[in-house]
């Protein structure tokens, strides 16, 4: 099992906030992207942060967007569509969406036309 699975979402989230804000994007946009992927609303997202839910449990409770499989490309040197471990793939989907947001990609494209 990867160490990343036991990381609290609350430890990863501030890193995402810093990354997107440095590039002129907002926390609201970040939340929208994460909520699109996971099916969580603002309250659920806040609760996972407050409760320090591990990434494993965070994704176990998520209702993954049916269009998540449209997320493709390379993140951390790996093609997300080729990652065999389902949990690692979900974590990398989230990383990829945050990366696209930070790079200034249009929200409509990040959310795969949703």
PDB file of N, CA and C in Angstrom:
ATOM      1  N   UNK A   1       0.845  -1.194   0.000  1.00  0.00           N
ATOM      2  CA  UNK A   1       0.000   0.000   0.000  1.00  0.00           C
ATOM      3  C   UNK A   1       0.888   1.255   0.000  1.00  0.00           C
ATOM      4  N   UNK A   2       0.510   2.207  -0.790  1.00  0.00           N
ATOM      5  CA  UNK A   2       1.271   3.448  -0.894  1.00  0.00           C
ATOM      6  C   UNK A   2       1.032   4.337   0.325  1.00  0.00           C
ATOM      7  N   UNK A   3       2.081   5.020   0.744  1.00  0.00           N
ATOM      8  CA  UNK A   3       1.956   5.945   1.885  1.00  0.00           C
ATOM      9  C   UNK A   3       0.954   7.053   1.618  1.00  0.00           C
ATOM     10  N   UNK A   4       0.832   7.442   0.359  1.00  0.00           N
ATOM     11  CA  UNK A   4      -0.061   8.546   0.009  1.00  0.00           C
ATOM     12  C   UNK A   4      -1.509   8.240   0.416  1.00  0.00           C
ATOM     13  N   UNK A   5      -1.888   6.958   0.426  1.00  0.00           N
ATOM     14  CA  UNK A   5      -3.272   6.587   0.748  1.00  0.00           C
ATOM     15  C   UNK A   5      -3.672   7.011   2.162  1.00  0.00           C
ATOM     16  N   UNK A   6      -2.694   7.008   3.069  1.00  0.00           N
ATOM     17  CA  UNK A   6      -3.011   7.351   4.460  1.00  0.00           C
ATOM     18  C   UNK A   6      -2.841   8.839   4.752  1.00  0.00           C
ATOM     19  N   UNK A   7      -2.439   9.607   3.752  1.00  0.00           N
ATOM     20  CA  UNK A   7      -2.344  11.059   3.930  1.00  0.00           C
ATOM     21  C   UNK A   7      -3.735  11.646   4.102  1.00  0.00           C
ATOM     22  N   UNK A   8      -3.899  12.558   5.052  1.00  0.00           N
ATOM     23  CA  UNK A   8      -5.207  13.226   5.168  1.00  0.00           C
ATOM     24  C   UNK A   8      -5.424  14.181   3.995  1.00  0.00           C
ATOM     25  N   UNK A   9      -6.641  14.185   3.476  1.00  0.00           N
ATOM     26  CA  UNK A   9      -6.996  15.134   2.421  1.00  0.00           C
ATOM     27  C   UNK A   9      -6.677  16.555   2.890  1.00  0.00           C
ATOM     28  N   UNK A  10      -6.845  16.799   4.190  1.00  0.00           N
ATOM     29  CA  UNK A  10      -6.582  18.124   4.771  1.00  0.00           C
ATOM     30  C   UNK A  10      -5.117  18.539   4.618  1.00  0.00           C
ATOM     31  N   UNK A  11      -4.193  17.602   4.439  1.00  0.00           N
ATOM     32  CA  UNK A  11      -2.791  17.984   4.222  1.00  0.00           C
ATOM     33  C   UNK A  11      -2.519  18.294   2.757  1.00  0.00           C
ATOM     34  N   UNK A  12      -3.257  17.667   1.865  1.00  0.00           N
ATOM     35  CA  UNK A  12      -3.049  17.870   0.429  1.00  0.00           C
ATOM     36  C   UNK A  12      -3.750  19.145  -0.043  1.00  0.00           C
ATOM     37  N   UNK A  13      -4.926  19.398   0.498  1.00  0.00           N
ATOM     38  CA  UNK A  13      -5.763  20.512   0.048  1.00  0.00           C
ATOM     39  C   UNK A  13      -5.037  21.870   0.084  1.00  0.00           C
ATOM     40  N   UNK A  14      -4.353  22.228   1.198  1.00  0.00           N
ATOM     41  CA  UNK A  14      -3.662  23.535   1.214  1.00  0.00           C
ATOM     42  C   UNK A  14      -2.573  23.642   0.139  1.00  0.00           C
ATOM     43  N   UNK A  15      -1.961  22.521  -0.219  1.00  0.00           N
ATOM     44  CA  UNK A  15      -0.955  22.530  -1.278  1.00  0.00           C
ATOM     45  C   UNK A  15      -1.616  22.851  -2.617  1.00  0.00           C
ATOM     46  N   UNK A  16      -2.792  22.287  -2.830  1.00  0.00           N
ATOM     47  CA  UNK A  16      -3.561  22.596  -4.046  1.00  0.00           C
ATOM     48  C   UNK A  16      -3.948  24.077  -4.069  1.00  0.00           C
ATOM     49  N   UNK A  17      -4.413  24.583  -2.930  1.00  0.00           N
ATOM     50  CA  UNK A  17      -4.823  25.998  -2.842  1.00  0.00           C
ATOM     51  C   UNK A  17      -3.637  26.898  -3.216  1.00  0.00           C
ATOM     52  N   UNK A  18      -2.492  26.640  -2.628  1.00  0.00           N
ATOM     53  CA  UNK A  18      -1.296  27.426  -2.914  1.00  0.00           C
ATOM     54  C   UNK A  18      -0.949  27.371  -4.395  1.00  0.00           C
ATOM     55  N   UNK A  19      -0.997  26.169  -4.963  1.00  0.00           N
ATOM     56  CA  UNK A  19      -0.637  25.983  -6.368  1.00  0.00           C
ATOM     57  C   UNK A  19      -1.540  26.785  -7.299  1.00  0.00           C
ATOM     58  N   UNK A  20      -2.853  26.712  -7.076  1.00  0.00           N
ATOM     59  CA  UNK A  20      -3.767  27.408  -8.000  1.00  0.00           C
ATOM     60  C   UNK A  20      -3.776  28.916  -7.758  1.00  0.00           C
ATOM     61  N   UNK A  21      -3.670  29.343  -6.493  1.00  0.00           N
ATOM     62  CA  UNK A  21      -3.693  30.781  -6.201  1.00  0.00           C
ATOM     63  C   UNK A  21      -2.447  31.473  -6.742  1.00  0.00           C
ATOM     64  N   UNK A  22      -1.306  30.771  -6.733  1.00  0.00           N
ATOM     65  CA  UNK A  22      -0.077  31.338  -7.298  1.00  0.00           C
ATOM     66  C   UNK A  22      -0.246  31.644  -8.773  1.00  0.00           C
ATOM     67  N   UNK A  23      -1.137  30.909  -9.415  1.00  0.00           N
ATOM     68  CA  UNK A  23      -1.371  31.075 -10.855  1.00  0.00           C
ATOM     69  C   UNK A  23      -2.617  31.915 -11.143  1.00  0.00           C
ATOM     70  N   UNK A  24      -3.165  32.566 -10.106  1.00  0.00           N
ATOM     71  CA  UNK A  24      -4.286  33.471 -10.324  1.00  0.00           C
ATOM     72  C   UNK A  24      -5.659  32.825 -10.345  1.00  0.00           C
ATOM     73  N   UNK A  25      -5.753  31.567  -9.944  1.00  0.00           N
ATOM     74  CA  UNK A  25      -7.055  30.911  -9.863  1.00  0.00           C
ATOM     75  C   UNK A  25      -7.541  30.993  -8.416  1.00  0.00           C
ATOM     76  N   UNK A  26      -8.814  30.666  -8.200  1.00  0.00           N
ATOM     77  CA  UNK A  26      -9.395  30.848  -6.861  1.00  0.00           C
ATOM     78  C   UNK A  26      -9.656  29.518  -6.167  1.00  0.00           C
ATOM     79  N   UNK A  27      -9.815  29.610  -4.849  1.00  0.00           N
ATOM     80  CA  UNK A  27     -10.179  28.434  -4.062  1.00  0.00           C
ATOM     81  C   UNK A  27     -11.550  27.920  -4.498  1.00  0.00           C
ATOM     82  N   UNK A  28     -12.448  28.832  -4.860  1.00  0.00           N
ATOM     83  CA  UNK A  28     -13.783  28.428  -5.326  1.00  0.00           C
ATOM     84  C   UNK A  28     -13.664  27.578  -6.592  1.00  0.00           C
ATOM     85  N   UNK A  29     -12.759  27.964  -7.491  1.00  0.00           N
ATOM     86  CA  UNK A  29     -12.552  27.168  -8.711  1.00  0.00           C
ATOM     87  C   UNK A  29     -11.959  25.803  -8.360  1.00  0.00           C
ATOM     88  N   UNK A  30     -11.024  25.790  -7.422  1.00  0.00           N
ATOM     89  CA  UNK A  30     -10.431  24.536  -6.975  1.00  0.00           C
ATOM     90  C   UNK A  30     -11.511  23.619  -6.409  1.00  0.00           C
ATOM     91  N   UNK A  31     -12.349  24.176  -5.539  1.00  0.00           N
ATOM     92  CA  UNK A  31     -13.428  23.382  -4.944  1.00  0.00           C
ATOM     93  C   UNK A  31     -14.363  22.838  -6.015  1.00  0.00           C
ATOM     94  N   UNK A  32     -14.664  23.665  -7.010  1.00  0.00           N
ATOM     95  CA  UNK A  32     -15.557  23.233  -8.091  1.00  0.00           C
ATOM     96  C   UNK A  32     -14.973  22.027  -8.822  1.00  0.00           C
ATOM     97  N   UNK A  33     -13.681  22.068  -9.082  1.00  0.00           N
ATOM     98  CA  UNK A  33     -13.007  20.976  -9.783  1.00  0.00           C
ATOM     99  C   UNK A  33     -13.024  19.696  -8.934  1.00  0.00           C
ATOM    100  N   UNK A  34     -12.687  19.814  -7.658  1.00  0.00           N
ATOM    101  CA  UNK A  34     -12.666  18.646  -6.770  1.00  0.00           C
ATOM    102  C   UNK A  34     -14.079  18.092  -6.599  1.00  0.00           C
ATOM    103  N   UNK A  35     -15.051  18.986  -6.471  1.00  0.00           N
ATOM    104  CA  UNK A  35     -16.441  18.554  -6.307  1.00  0.00           C
ATOM    105  C   UNK A  35     -16.969  17.891  -7.575  1.00  0.00           C
ATOM    106  N   UNK A  36     -16.537  18.375  -8.737  1.00  0.00           N
ATOM    107  CA  UNK A  36     -16.942  17.746 -10.000  1.00  0.00           C
ATOM    108  C   UNK A  36     -16.447  16.299 -10.032  1.00  0.00           C
ATOM    109  N   UNK A  37     -15.187  16.103  -9.621  1.00  0.00           N
ATOM    110  CA  UNK A  37     -14.590  14.771  -9.659  1.00  0.00           C
ATOM    111  C   UNK A  37     -15.222  13.831  -8.638  1.00  0.00           C
ATOM    112  N   UNK A  38     -15.456  14.336  -7.427  1.00  0.00           N
ATOM    113  CA  UNK A  38     -15.830  13.457  -6.308  1.00  0.00           C
ATOM    114  C   UNK A  38     -17.327  13.382  -6.015  1.00  0.00           C
ATOM    115  N   UNK A  39     -18.083  14.355  -6.506  1.00  0.00           N
ATOM    116  CA  UNK A  39     -19.513  14.383  -6.191  1.00  0.00           C
ATOM    117  C   UNK A  39     -19.813  15.022  -4.841  1.00  0.00           C
ATOM    118  N   UNK A  40     -18.780  15.452  -4.116  1.00  0.00           N
ATOM    119  CA  UNK A  40     -18.996  16.119  -2.824  1.00  0.00           C
ATOM    120  C   UNK A  40     -19.491  17.544  -3.054  1.00  0.00           C
ATOM    121  N   UNK A  41     -20.247  18.074  -2.090  1.00  0.00           N
ATOM    122  CA  UNK A  41     -20.604  19.494  -2.132  1.00  0.00           C
ATOM    123  C   UNK A  41     -19.669  20.235  -1.177  1.00  0.00           C
ATOM    124  N   UNK A  42     -19.868  21.558  -1.060  1.00  0.00           N
ATOM    125  CA  UNK A  42     -18.990  22.367  -0.194  1.00  0.00           C
ATOM    126  C   UNK A  42     -18.949  21.841   1.234  1.00  0.00           C
ATOM    127  N   UNK A  43     -20.124  21.479   1.754  1.00  0.00           N
ATOM    128  CA  UNK A  43     -20.209  21.014   3.150  1.00  0.00           C
ATOM    129  C   UNK A  43     -19.437  19.707   3.330  1.00  0.00           C
ATOM    130  N   UNK A  44     -19.596  18.783   2.399  1.00  0.00           N
ATOM    131  CA  UNK A  44     -18.894  17.497   2.495  1.00  0.00           C
ATOM    132  C   UNK A  44     -17.388  17.694   2.390  1.00  0.00           C
ATOM    133  N   UNK A  45     -16.981  18.583   1.494  1.00  0.00           N
ATOM    134  CA  UNK A  45     -15.556  18.872   1.332  1.00  0.00           C
ATOM    135  C   UNK A  45     -14.984  19.433   2.639  1.00  0.00           C
ATOM    136  N   UNK A  46     -15.683  20.394   3.216  1.00  0.00           N
ATOM    137  CA  UNK A  46     -15.253  20.999   4.484  1.00  0.00           C
ATOM    138  C   UNK A  46     -15.190  19.946   5.590  1.00  0.00           C
ATOM    139  N   UNK A  47     -16.156  19.044   5.600  1.00  0.00           N
ATOM    140  CA  UNK A  47     -16.189  17.993   6.627  1.00  0.00           C
ATOM    141  C   UNK A  47     -14.978  17.063   6.487  1.00  0.00           C
ATOM    142  N   UNK A  48     -14.621  16.709   5.259  1.00  0.00           N
ATOM    143  CA  UNK A  48     -13.447  15.846   5.053  1.00  0.00           C
ATOM    144  C   UNK A  48     -12.176  16.547   5.512  1.00  0.00           C
ATOM    145  N   UNK A  49     -12.108  17.856   5.316  1.00  0.00           N
ATOM    146  CA  UNK A  49     -10.941  18.614   5.775  1.00  0.00           C
ATOM    147  C   UNK A  49     -10.923  18.647   7.302  1.00  0.00           C
ATOM    148  N   UNK A  50     -12.070  18.970   7.907  1.00  0.00           N
ATOM    149  CA  UNK A  50     -12.160  19.046   9.374  1.00  0.00           C
ATOM    150  C   UNK A  50     -11.846  17.705  10.036  1.00  0.00           C
ATOM    151  N   UNK A  51     -12.333  16.629   9.438  1.00  0.00           N
ATOM    152  CA  UNK A  51     -12.162  15.300  10.041  1.00  0.00           C
ATOM    153  C   UNK A  51     -10.841  14.634   9.662  1.00  0.00           C
ATOM    154  N   UNK A  52     -10.060  15.333   8.818  1.00  0.00           N
ATOM    155  CA  UNK A  52      -8.763  14.812   8.384  1.00  0.00           C
ATOM    156  C   UNK A  52      -8.892  13.409   7.777  1.00  0.00           C
ATOM    157  N   UNK A  53      -9.886  13.251   6.923  1.00  0.00           N
ATOM    158  CA  UNK A  53     -10.128  11.992   6.219  1.00  0.00           C
ATOM    159  C   UNK A  53      -8.903  11.629   5.382  1.00  0.00           C
ATOM    160  N   UNK A  54      -8.489  10.372   5.425  1.00  0.00           N
ATOM    161  CA  UNK A  54      -7.365   9.945   4.582  1.00  0.00           C
ATOM    162  C   UNK A  54      -7.805   9.957   3.121  1.00  0.00           C
ATOM    163  N   UNK A  55      -6.838  10.036   2.220  1.00  0.00           N
ATOM    164  CA  UNK A  55      -7.178  10.010   0.796  1.00  0.00           C
ATOM    165  C   UNK A  55      -7.903   8.712   0.440  1.00  0.00           C
ATOM    166  N   UNK A  56      -7.513   7.623   1.085  1.00  0.00           N
ATOM    167  CA  UNK A  56      -8.182   6.340   0.829  1.00  0.00           C
ATOM    168  C   UNK A  56      -9.670   6.428   1.169  1.00  0.00           C
ATOM    169  N   UNK A  57      -9.988   6.945   2.351  1.00  0.00           N
ATOM    170  CA  UNK A  57     -11.394   7.067   2.768  1.00  0.00           C
ATOM    171  C   UNK A  57     -12.124   8.157   1.985  1.00  0.00           C
ATOM    172  N   UNK A  58     -11.406   9.221   1.655  1.00  0.00           N
ATOM    173  CA  UNK A  58     -11.973  10.323   0.878  1.00  0.00           C
ATOM    174  C   UNK A  58     -12.533   9.779  -0.446  1.00  0.00           C
ATOM    175  N   UNK A  59     -11.717   8.989  -1.142  1.00  0.00           N
ATOM    176  CA  UNK A  59     -12.174   8.446  -2.425  1.00  0.00           C
ATOM    177  C   UNK A  59     -13.126   7.270  -2.267  1.00  0.00           C
ATOM    178  N   UNK A  60     -13.053   6.580  -1.125  1.00  0.00           N
ATOM    179  CA  UNK A  60     -14.003   5.488  -0.873  1.00  0.00           C
ATOM    180  C   UNK A  60     -15.419   6.055  -0.747  1.00  0.00           C
ATOM    181  N   UNK A  61     -15.524   7.264  -0.217  1.00  0.00           N
ATOM    182  CA  UNK A  61     -16.827   7.899  -0.031  1.00  0.00           C
ATOM    183  C   UNK A  61     -17.256   8.730  -1.233  1.00  0.00           C
ATOM    184  N   UNK A  62     -16.338   8.957  -2.164  1.00  0.00           N
ATOM    185  CA  UNK A  62     -16.639   9.794  -3.330  1.00  0.00           C
ATOM    186  C   UNK A  62     -17.531   9.046  -4.316  1.00  0.00           C
ATOM    187  N   UNK A  63     -18.312   9.822  -5.030  1.00  0.00           N
ATOM    188  CA  UNK A  63     -19.121   9.293  -6.125  1.00  0.00           C
ATOM    189  C   UNK A  63     -18.467   9.832  -7.399  1.00  0.00           C
ATOM    190  N   UNK A  64     -17.476   9.088  -7.890  1.00  0.00           N
ATOM    191  CA  UNK A  64     -16.635   9.578  -8.979  1.00  0.00           C
ATOM    192  C   UNK A  64     -17.459   9.949 -10.208  1.00  0.00           C
ATOM    193  N   UNK A  65     -17.144  11.098 -10.767  1.00  0.00           N
ATOM    194  CA  UNK A  65     -17.847  11.578 -11.956  1.00  0.00           C
ATOM    195  C   UNK A  65     -17.695  10.560 -13.092  1.00  0.00           C
ATOM    196  N   UNK A  66     -18.808  10.235 -13.763  1.00  0.00           N
ATOM    197  CA  UNK A  66     -18.721   9.255 -14.862  1.00  0.00           C
ATOM    198  C   UNK A  66     -17.771   9.701 -15.980  1.00  0.00           C
ATOM    199  N   UNK A  67     -17.525  11.010 -16.099  1.00  0.00           N
ATOM    200  CA  UNK A  67     -16.612  11.504 -17.121  1.00  0.00           C
ATOM    201  C   UNK A  67     -15.155  11.540 -16.665  1.00  0.00           C
ATOM    202  N   UNK A  68     -14.875  11.035 -15.475  1.00  0.00           N
ATOM    203  CA  UNK A  68     -13.495  11.049 -14.977  1.00  0.00           C
ATOM    204  C   UNK A  68     -12.566  10.284 -15.920  1.00  0.00           C
ATOM    205  N   UNK A  69     -13.092   9.283 -16.602  1.00  0.00           N
ATOM    206  CA  UNK A  69     -12.249   8.506 -17.515  1.00  0.00           C
ATOM    207  C   UNK A  69     -11.777   9.335 -18.709  1.00  0.00           C
ATOM    208  N   UNK A  70     -12.383  10.516 -18.906  1.00  0.00           N
ATOM    209  CA  UNK A  70     -11.935  11.418 -19.980  1.00  0.00           C
ATOM    210  C   UNK A  70     -10.686  12.201 -19.590  1.00  0.00           C
ATOM    211  N   UNK A  71     -10.286  12.099 -18.319  1.00  0.00           N
ATOM    212  CA  UNK A  71      -9.075  12.780 -17.854  1.00  0.00           C
ATOM    213  C   UNK A  71      -7.884  11.956 -18.331  1.00  0.00           C
ATOM    214  N   UNK A  72      -7.076  12.570 -19.185  1.00  0.00           N
ATOM    215  CA  UNK A  72      -5.914  11.865 -19.723  1.00  0.00           C
ATOM    216  C   UNK A  72      -4.697  12.772 -19.631  1.00  0.00           C
ATOM    217  N   UNK A  73      -3.556  12.191 -19.852  1.00  0.00           N
ATOM    218  CA  UNK A  73      -2.322  12.960 -19.832  1.00  0.00           C
ATOM    219  C   UNK A  73      -1.368  12.459 -18.775  1.00  0.00           C
ATOM    220  N   UNK A  74      -0.277  13.168 -18.641  1.00  0.00           N
ATOM    221  CA  UNK A  74       0.800  12.741 -17.751  1.00  0.00           C
ATOM    222  C   UNK A  74       0.801  13.589 -16.485  1.00  0.00           C
ATOM    223  N   UNK A  75       0.892  12.914 -15.353  1.00  0.00           N
ATOM    224  CA  UNK A  75       1.065  13.603 -14.066  1.00  0.00           C
ATOM    225  C   UNK A  75       2.067  12.768 -13.269  1.00  0.00           C
ATOM    226  N   UNK A  76       3.040  13.417 -12.683  1.00  0.00           N
ATOM    227  CA  UNK A  76       4.105  12.726 -11.942  1.00  0.00           C
ATOM    228  C   UNK A  76       4.770  11.649 -12.796  1.00  0.00           C
ATOM    229  N   UNK A  77       4.909  11.936 -14.100  1.00  0.00           N
ATOM    230  CA  UNK A  77       5.585  11.008 -14.994  1.00  0.00           C
ATOM    231  C   UNK A  77       4.778   9.792 -15.407  1.00  0.00           C
ATOM    232  N   UNK A  78       3.489   9.756 -15.027  1.00  0.00           N
ATOM    233  CA  UNK A  78       2.652   8.599 -15.358  1.00  0.00           C
ATOM    234  C   UNK A  78       1.444   9.052 -16.173  1.00  0.00           C
ATOM    235  N   UNK A  79       1.053   8.249 -17.148  1.00  0.00           N
ATOM    236  CA  UNK A  79      -0.175   8.537 -17.896  1.00  0.00           C
ATOM    237  C   UNK A  79      -1.346   8.121 -17.011  1.00  0.00           C
ATOM    238  N   UNK A  80      -2.211   9.065 -16.665  1.00  0.00           N
ATOM    239  CA  UNK A  80      -3.290   8.759 -15.714  1.00  0.00           C
ATOM    240  C   UNK A  80      -4.220   7.671 -16.225  1.00  0.00           C
ATOM    241  N   UNK A  81      -4.436   7.628 -17.545  1.00  0.00           N
ATOM    242  CA  UNK A  81      -5.356   6.633 -18.074  1.00  0.00           C
ATOM    243  C   UNK A  81      -4.785   5.212 -18.040  1.00  0.00           C
ATOM    244  N   UNK A  82      -3.481   5.071 -17.761  1.00  0.00           N
ATOM    245  CA  UNK A  82      -2.842   3.750 -17.737  1.00  0.00           C
ATOM    246  C   UNK A  82      -2.548   3.253 -16.323  1.00  0.00           C
ATOM    247  N   UNK A  83      -2.892   4.034 -15.304  1.00  0.00           N
ATOM    248  CA  UNK A  83      -2.627   3.624 -13.923  1.00  0.00           C
ATOM    249  C   UNK A  83      -3.592   2.494 -13.556  1.00  0.00           C
ATOM    250  N   UNK A  84      -3.034   1.374 -13.130  1.00  0.00           N
ATOM    251  CA  UNK A  84      -3.867   0.196 -12.882  1.00  0.00           C
ATOM    252  C   UNK A  84      -4.522   0.193 -11.504  1.00  0.00           C
ATOM    253  N   UNK A  85      -3.869   0.758 -10.515  1.00  0.00           N
ATOM    254  CA  UNK A  85      -4.427   0.798  -9.167  1.00  0.00           C
ATOM    255  C   UNK A  85      -5.563   1.832  -9.138  1.00  0.00           C
ATOM    256  N   UNK A  86      -6.808   1.397  -8.887  1.00  0.00           N
ATOM    257  CA  UNK A  86      -7.945   2.325  -8.965  1.00  0.00           C
ATOM    258  C   UNK A  86      -7.832   3.527  -8.030  1.00  0.00           C
ATOM    259  N   UNK A  87      -7.352   3.322  -6.804  1.00  0.00           N
ATOM    260  CA  UNK A  87      -7.241   4.435  -5.864  1.00  0.00           C
ATOM    261  C   UNK A  87      -6.163   5.413  -6.323  1.00  0.00           C
ATOM    262  N   UNK A  88      -5.017   4.907  -6.744  1.00  0.00           N
ATOM    263  CA  UNK A  88      -3.946   5.781  -7.221  1.00  0.00           C
ATOM    264  C   UNK A  88      -4.423   6.567  -8.444  1.00  0.00           C
ATOM    265  N   UNK A  89      -5.197   5.917  -9.303  1.00  0.00           N
ATOM    266  CA  UNK A  89      -5.701   6.596 -10.485  1.00  0.00           C
ATOM    267  C   UNK A  89      -6.612   7.756 -10.092  1.00  0.00           C
ATOM    268  N   UNK A  90      -7.463   7.570  -9.084  1.00  0.00           N
ATOM    269  CA  UNK A  90      -8.361   8.638  -8.631  1.00  0.00           C
ATOM    270  C   UNK A  90      -7.568   9.805  -8.050  1.00  0.00           C
ATOM    271  N   UNK A  91      -6.534   9.485  -7.275  1.00  0.00           N
ATOM    272  CA  UNK A  91      -5.686  10.531  -6.695  1.00  0.00           C
ATOM    273  C   UNK A  91      -4.999  11.313  -7.820  1.00  0.00           C
ATOM    274  N   UNK A  92      -4.507  10.609  -8.809  1.00  0.00           N
ATOM    275  CA  UNK A  92      -3.825  11.269  -9.937  1.00  0.00           C
ATOM    276  C   UNK A  92      -4.809  12.039 -10.811  1.00  0.00           C
ATOM    277  N   UNK A  93      -6.065  11.569 -10.918  1.00  0.00           N
ATOM    278  CA  UNK A  93      -7.096  12.349 -11.612  1.00  0.00           C
ATOM    279  C   UNK A  93      -7.212  13.714 -10.942  1.00  0.00           C
ATOM    280  N   UNK A  94      -7.284  13.706  -9.602  1.00  0.00           N
ATOM    281  CA  UNK A  94      -7.427  14.963  -8.864  1.00  0.00           C
ATOM    282  C   UNK A  94      -6.196  15.845  -9.088  1.00  0.00           C
ATOM    283  N   UNK A  95      -5.016  15.241  -9.015  1.00  0.00           N
ATOM    284  CA  UNK A  95      -3.779  15.996  -9.269  1.00  0.00           C
ATOM    285  C   UNK A  95      -3.802  16.626 -10.660  1.00  0.00           C
ATOM    286  N   UNK A  96      -4.239  15.856 -11.638  1.00  0.00           N
ATOM    287  CA  UNK A  96      -4.256  16.328 -13.028  1.00  0.00           C
ATOM    288  C   UNK A  96      -5.228  17.496 -13.190  1.00  0.00           C
ATOM    289  N   UNK A  97      -6.401  17.409 -12.580  1.00  0.00           N
ATOM    290  CA  UNK A  97      -7.376  18.496 -12.665  1.00  0.00           C
ATOM    291  C   UNK A  97      -6.831  19.768 -12.032  1.00  0.00           C
ATOM    292  N   UNK A  98      -6.184  19.634 -10.880  1.00  0.00           N
ATOM    293  CA  UNK A  98      -5.601  20.789 -10.191  1.00  0.00           C
ATOM    294  C   UNK A  98      -4.491  21.389 -11.054  1.00  0.00           C
ATOM    295  N   UNK A  99      -3.704  20.528 -11.677  1.00  0.00           N
ATOM    296  CA  UNK A  99      -2.636  20.977 -12.560  1.00  0.00           C
ATOM    297  C   UNK A  99      -3.204  21.769 -13.743  1.00  0.00           C
ATOM    298  N   UNK A 100      -4.267  21.257 -14.345  1.00  0.00           N
ATOM    299  CA  UNK A 100      -4.896  21.947 -15.471  1.00  0.00           C
ATOM    300  C   UNK A 100      -5.447  23.306 -15.038  1.00  0.00           C
ATOM    301  N   UNK A 101      -6.027  23.354 -13.844  1.00  0.00           N
ATOM    302  CA  UNK A 101      -6.552  24.610 -13.305  1.00  0.00           C
ATOM    303  C   UNK A 101      -5.415  25.613 -13.137  1.00  0.00           C
ATOM    304  N   UNK A 102      -4.312  25.159 -12.542  1.00  0.00           N
ATOM    305  CA  UNK A 102      -3.162  26.039 -12.308  1.00  0.00           C
ATOM    306  C   UNK A 102      -2.538  26.519 -13.624  1.00  0.00           C
ATOM    307  N   UNK A 103      -2.657  25.715 -14.645  1.00  0.00           N
ATOM    308  CA  UNK A 103      -2.087  26.087 -15.945  1.00  0.00           C
ATOM    309  C   UNK A 103      -2.986  27.034 -16.735  1.00  0.00           C
ATOM    310  N   UNK A 104      -4.143  27.363 -16.172  1.00  0.00           N
ATOM    311  CA  UNK A 104      -5.003  28.344 -16.822  1.00  0.00           C
ATOM    312  C   UNK A 104      -5.969  27.767 -17.845  1.00  0.00           C
ATOM    313  N   UNK A 105      -6.122  26.465 -17.834  1.00  0.00           N
ATOM    314  CA  UNK A 105      -7.058  25.829 -18.766  1.00  0.00           C
ATOM    315  C   UNK A 105      -8.481  26.293 -18.452  1.00  0.00           C
ATOM    316  N   UNK A 106      -9.310  26.430 -19.468  1.00  0.00           N
ATOM    317  CA  UNK A 106     -10.695  26.874 -19.278  1.00  0.00           C
ATOM    318  C   UNK A 106     -11.462  25.851 -18.431  1.00  0.00           C
ATOM    319  N   UNK A 107     -12.284  26.374 -17.511  1.00  0.00           N
ATOM    320  CA  UNK A 107     -13.036  25.519 -16.596  1.00  0.00           C
ATOM    321  C   UNK A 107     -13.876  24.484 -17.360  1.00  0.00           C
ATOM    322  N   UNK A 108     -14.487  24.912 -18.443  1.00  0.00           N
ATOM    323  CA  UNK A 108     -15.338  24.011 -19.238  1.00  0.00           C
ATOM    324  C   UNK A 108     -14.541  22.796 -19.740  1.00  0.00           C
ATOM    325  N   UNK A 109     -13.278  23.030 -20.103  1.00  0.00           N
ATOM    326  CA  UNK A 109     -12.425  21.929 -20.578  1.00  0.00           C
ATOM    327  C   UNK A 109     -11.976  21.052 -19.419  1.00  0.00           C
ATOM    328  N   UNK A 110     -11.659  21.668 -18.289  1.00  0.00           N
ATOM    329  CA  UNK A 110     -11.234  20.901 -17.115  1.00  0.00           C
ATOM    330  C   UNK A 110     -12.363  19.966 -16.688  1.00  0.00           C
ATOM    331  N   UNK A 111     -13.596  20.467 -16.716  1.00  0.00           N
ATOM    332  CA  UNK A 111     -14.748  19.686 -16.282  1.00  0.00           C
ATOM    333  C   UNK A 111     -15.290  18.810 -17.415  1.00  0.00           C
ATOM    334  N   UNK A 112     -14.470  18.647 -18.438  1.00  0.00           N
ATOM    335  CA  UNK A 112     -14.789  17.751 -19.547  1.00  0.00           C
ATOM    336  C   UNK A 112     -16.166  18.023 -20.139  1.00  0.00           C
ATOM    337  N   UNK A 113     -16.448  19.325 -20.342  1.00  0.00           N
ATOM    338  CA  UNK A 113     -17.686  19.732 -20.996  1.00  0.00           C
ATOM    339  C   UNK A 113     -18.947  19.521 -20.190  1.00  0.00           C
ATOM    340  N   UNK A 114     -18.790  19.311 -18.875  1.00  0.00           N
ATOM    341  CA  UNK A 114     -19.948  19.022 -18.005  1.00  0.00           C
ATOM    342  C   UNK A 114     -20.833  20.244 -17.840  1.00  0.00           C
TER     343      UNK A 114
END
